[in-house]
Amino acid sequence: MTNPVLAMPVASLKGSGFTHPERIRYQLSPEELVEDTLRLNEGELNDTGALVIRTGEFTGRSPKDKFIVKDAVTESMVDWNEFNNPITEASFNVIHSRIVEYLNGLPELWVRDAHACADPRFRLHLRVVNEKPWNNLFAYNMFLRPAEEDLEEFEPEWTILSAPGLRLDPVTCGTRQHNATVVSFTRKMILIAGSGYTGETKKSIFTILNYLLPVQHKVLSMHCSANAGKNGDTAIFFGLSGTGKTTLSADPARDLIGDDEHGWAGDTIFNFEGGCYAKTISLSEDKEPGIYQAIRFGALVENTVFTKGTNHIDFDDASITENTRVSYPLDYISNAVEPSVGSTPTNIFFLTCDAFGVLPPISKLTPGQAMYQFISGYTAKIAGTEAGITEPKPTFSACFGAPFIPLHPTVYATMLGEKMQTQKVNVWMINTGWTGGEYGTGKRMPLKYTRAMISAVLENKMAAVSFSTDPVFGLAVPDDCPGVPAHLLVPANTWSDRDAYKQKANYLAGLFNKNFERFRANASEETIAAAPRTGM
C-alpha cells in the first residue's frame, strides 16, 4: 500500500506503539490523498478540482478543550489560564494509550513527515499520524515539505496523533468532554481526539513554537501575516482570525511571505508554515482573486455547500458554519516568496475588527500606544471561528493570539517592544470592522478602502499628510488618505447620532481600561499613559 520509494522504515516506529507498519500510507502525494478520500466517500471534487470535505461535529477550534501537560518542564513556565488548561501526566498517558489503541485498530493510517519554520536555523521536524487522508492532505498543504532525500534519515522531533473518530471518556481521561487536544512538552507529542477540524493541528504546532522559539532561541513568535515589496521592505500584519491577515497580505503588488504565523529573529522574518489557511465565507474573485484562484486541485475546502444540482461552491452559504476554510500550498499564490523569509519589517499593522464602529479605520501609533494595543489585542471574534460564536463578539486577546501563547503575554510584548524601538519600525492600527454605527446598524468598512489605506502607507504616501488626535483613544488619525473618502477617516463623522457615538466610544474605552488592569503592574509608564480616556 505504501510508495516503495518512500516506505517508512519499521525502525522509525520504534517506541511509537504502532504494531502494524504495513497499514501505514506514508508520505502520499496530494493525488493519492485525494484518491483515498474519494475512495472512502469522505469528500467530493468541486468544479475547479479542489477537494471539498466536512470536518464533522467541530467546524472551529474548541479552546476549552485544549490542554497542556503540567509537569516539571512547564509548571513554572506556562501562563496557566482559560486557554492554557493544565492536565496531569497520568491523564496524558491514558489518552495516549486510548489513541494508539484506536489507531492500531484501523485498517489504514496516513503518516507524513514535515517541517515547521522556513529559516533553517530554527527548523522543527514533525511527524503527523492521521486517521483521515484529508487531514493528511491538510498537513501536506500547511507544513513545509521536505525533499525526498531528506526523508531517508528523517528523525521527528515532535509527533502529532490525530484521531477524529475517537470519543474520550472524560472521567477516565481527565478531560472536559469527549474531545481534546493535549500537548506534552516533555514527551514532545500532540494528541488530538474527537475533532476532525484541521485547524486544531495547525494551531497546536503554533502553540509549541510560541513556547520553544522565545525560550530556546530568543526569537519572537507572532500571530501575523507578512509580505515584502519589490525593494525588499517587509510589512507584517497582526490580527486574530477574521480581521484580514490573509486577505490583506495577499497583495498582487507585493510578494507573500506567509499568511498567519511567523518568527522574528535578529535579522529575518520567517514563515512557520508552507501553506495558507484562508476563510472562504462570501469569497469572490473580484475581492480576493489570489485566494479564489488557489481553490483548485490539491486545495482542501472545508464545510462549504454546493449550489443545488452542481458541484460549484456557494461561498455565501453559511448553513454549516461561518468558518468555511480552504488550505493550499504557499506556491499556489503566484507571488509567494521561496523560501518564505524576509528582512526585518519597516511597517507593522495591528488589524482589529471593531464591532462598536468607533475606532479610526487607520491611525499611527507611538511606541507606548503600540505596546498598549499589542498587549490589549482588541478585536471582535468573528462568527464561526470558534465553537459557540455566532455573531461578532468584542474581545481582548493579548498579543493578538492569546489562545496560542503558552508564556505570559508580557514575554512577547517585551520582545516586540525592544525590536520596534531598536529598529525604528512604523506601527499602524487598521480597523477592518464597522463604520457608521456598531454591528447591526453600521456596515463593515469596504475592503477597497482598507487596501487603499495600507497601500498608502507601504508606498510612503502618508509621509506628508497631517494628523489629528482622536479625543478618546489618543491615536494620530490622518486628515487625508489617497483613495479614501475623507469623512470615513474620522469615525464620529460617519455616525448620524453624535451623542450615540460618544457614548459607545466611552464605553469601549472603559473596556480597554478594565482589561488592561491585569497587565498594569508589569507595564512601563509610557505604555500605561497610552490608555484611552473616558468622559470625553
Foldseek 3Di string as FASTA:
>chain_A
DEDVLQQDDPVLCPPVLADCSVQEHEPDDLVVLLVVCVVVVAWDAFPQAFTEGAFPPAQADAQQQEEEECDPVQVVFFPDDSRHPYDHPQLVVVLSVQLSVVVNPDSHKYKYWFWFWLPVVDIAIEIEIGPGSVLVLLQVQKTHHDDSVCSPPGRHPAYEYAAQPFFCDCVSNVTPGRWHWYQYPVVRYIYTYNTRHSVSVVLVVLLVCLVCCCVPPVKFKAFWWWWAAPVQAIEIEFAAPPLQQQQLQLDPRIATLGRTIWIHDPWKIHGGIFKHKHFQAVNDCVRRVLVVQLRHNSKYKYDFDADPPRSHTDNNDQVRWSRIIIMGGQVSRVRYDVNSMGTDHQEYEYGAAAQFAADFQKFWDDLLLVLLCQQFRWHWDDTRNGPPRHHTHIDGAHNNHNSRNRGPSVSSSVSVSVCCVVVVHIYMYGHQHFAQGGPPPTGGDDPQQSSQQVVCVVVVVCVPFAWDADQFQRTTFTCDTPPDPNLSRHRCSSYPDNVSSLVSSLVVLVVSVVVCPVVVVVDDPSNVVSRTDHPD
